[in-house]
Amino acid sequence: MANRSNRINENAVRNRFIAYARGAAAAERRAEYDVAADLWRKACNMPCHRVNAEHALLRADFCTNAAQKRWGLKDECETV
């Protein structure tokens, strides 16, 4: 499942930060927080404005926390 999210076409947009940020945001919407954290960290390492890099780093930390807490995953004991 995570492989699908990691396929970022960096050449689709001229700005690699945007390419990774879009992928990370999409992974967040799918509750794939581990993938999102990885993509946000990659975005942070791309040439961009300082504010964007700081935002990406904060999102990466948020997604790492969400992945550790297993947000978005259904608990085996939950009843519907």
Protein backbone atom coordinates (compact mmCIF):
# COMPACT_ATOMS: atom_id res chain seq x y z
CA MET A 1 0.00 0.00 0.00
CA ALA A 2 2.78 2.46 0.83
CA ASN A 3 4.55 1.94 -2.49
CA ARG A 4 1.69 3.57 -4.38
CA SER A 5 2.05 6.73 -2.31
CA ASN A 6 5.81 6.99 -2.69
CA ARG A 7 5.64 7.32 -6.48
CA ILE A 8 6.07 11.06 -6.83
CA ASN A 9 6.65 12.36 -10.34
CA GLU A 10 9.09 15.13 -9.58
CA ASN A 11 9.07 16.20 -13.22
CA ALA A 12 5.28 16.72 -13.27
CA VAL A 13 5.77 20.07 -11.56
CA ARG A 14 8.79 22.32 -11.73
CA ASN A 15 8.93 22.66 -7.96
CA ARG A 16 10.02 19.44 -6.23
CA PHE A 17 8.88 20.77 -2.85
CA ILE A 18 5.34 21.03 -4.24
CA ALA A 19 5.52 17.54 -5.72
CA TYR A 20 6.43 16.00 -2.37
CA ALA A 21 3.99 18.22 -0.45
CA ARG A 22 1.12 17.16 -2.72
CA GLY A 23 2.02 13.51 -2.25
CA ALA A 24 2.27 13.95 1.50
CA ALA A 25 -1.10 15.69 1.72
CA ALA A 26 -2.70 12.91 -0.33
CA ALA A 27 -1.15 10.28 1.95
CA GLU A 28 -2.53 12.13 4.98
CA ARG A 29 -6.03 12.07 3.47
CA ARG A 30 -5.69 8.30 3.11
CA ALA A 31 -4.49 8.07 6.75
CA GLU A 32 -1.12 6.71 5.55
CA TYR A 33 0.74 8.78 8.09
CA ASP A 34 4.03 6.89 7.89
CA VAL A 35 4.19 7.56 4.15
CA ALA A 36 3.12 11.17 4.66
CA ALA A 37 5.85 11.76 7.25
CA ASP A 38 8.49 10.42 4.85
CA LEU A 39 7.23 12.62 2.01
CA TRP A 40 7.06 15.72 4.22
CA ARG A 41 10.69 15.13 5.26
CA LYS A 42 11.68 14.85 1.60
CA ALA A 43 9.79 18.07 0.86
CA CYS A 44 11.64 19.79 3.70
CA ASN A 45 14.97 18.90 2.08
CA MET A 46 14.03 20.41 -1.28
CA PRO A 47 15.02 23.99 -2.09
CA CYS A 48 12.15 26.15 -0.88
CA HIS A 49 11.32 29.12 1.30
CA ARG A 50 12.20 28.81 4.98
CA VAL A 51 8.52 29.03 5.94
CA ASN A 52 7.68 26.09 3.67
CA ALA A 53 10.52 24.03 5.07
CA GLU A 54 9.37 24.73 8.63
CA HIS A 55 5.79 23.81 7.72
CA ALA A 56 6.96 20.56 6.13
CA LEU A 57 8.99 19.67 9.21
CA LEU A 58 6.02 20.34 11.51
CA ARG A 59 3.74 18.22 9.28
CA ALA A 60 6.33 15.42 9.28
CA ASP A 61 6.44 15.45 13.09
CA PHE A 62 2.63 15.48 13.25
CA CYS A 63 2.38 12.54 10.84
CA THR A 64 5.05 10.58 12.71
CA ASN A 65 3.02 11.02 15.90
CA ALA A 66 -0.20 10.03 14.11
CA ALA A 67 1.46 6.90 12.70
CA GLN A 68 2.78 5.91 16.15
CA LYS A 69 -0.68 6.34 17.64
CA ARG A 70 -2.21 4.44 14.68
CA TRP A 71 -4.69 7.19 13.86
CA GLY A 72 -7.07 6.35 11.07
CA LEU A 73 -6.70 2.59 11.55
CA LYS A 74 -9.69 0.65 12.72
CA ASP A 75 -9.18 -1.18 15.97
CA GLU A 76 -9.76 -4.94 15.77
CA CYS A 77 -11.99 -4.70 18.83
CA GLU A 78 -14.22 -1.92 17.46
CA THR A 79 -17.79 -2.83 16.73
CA VAL A 80 -19.66 -1.21 13.93
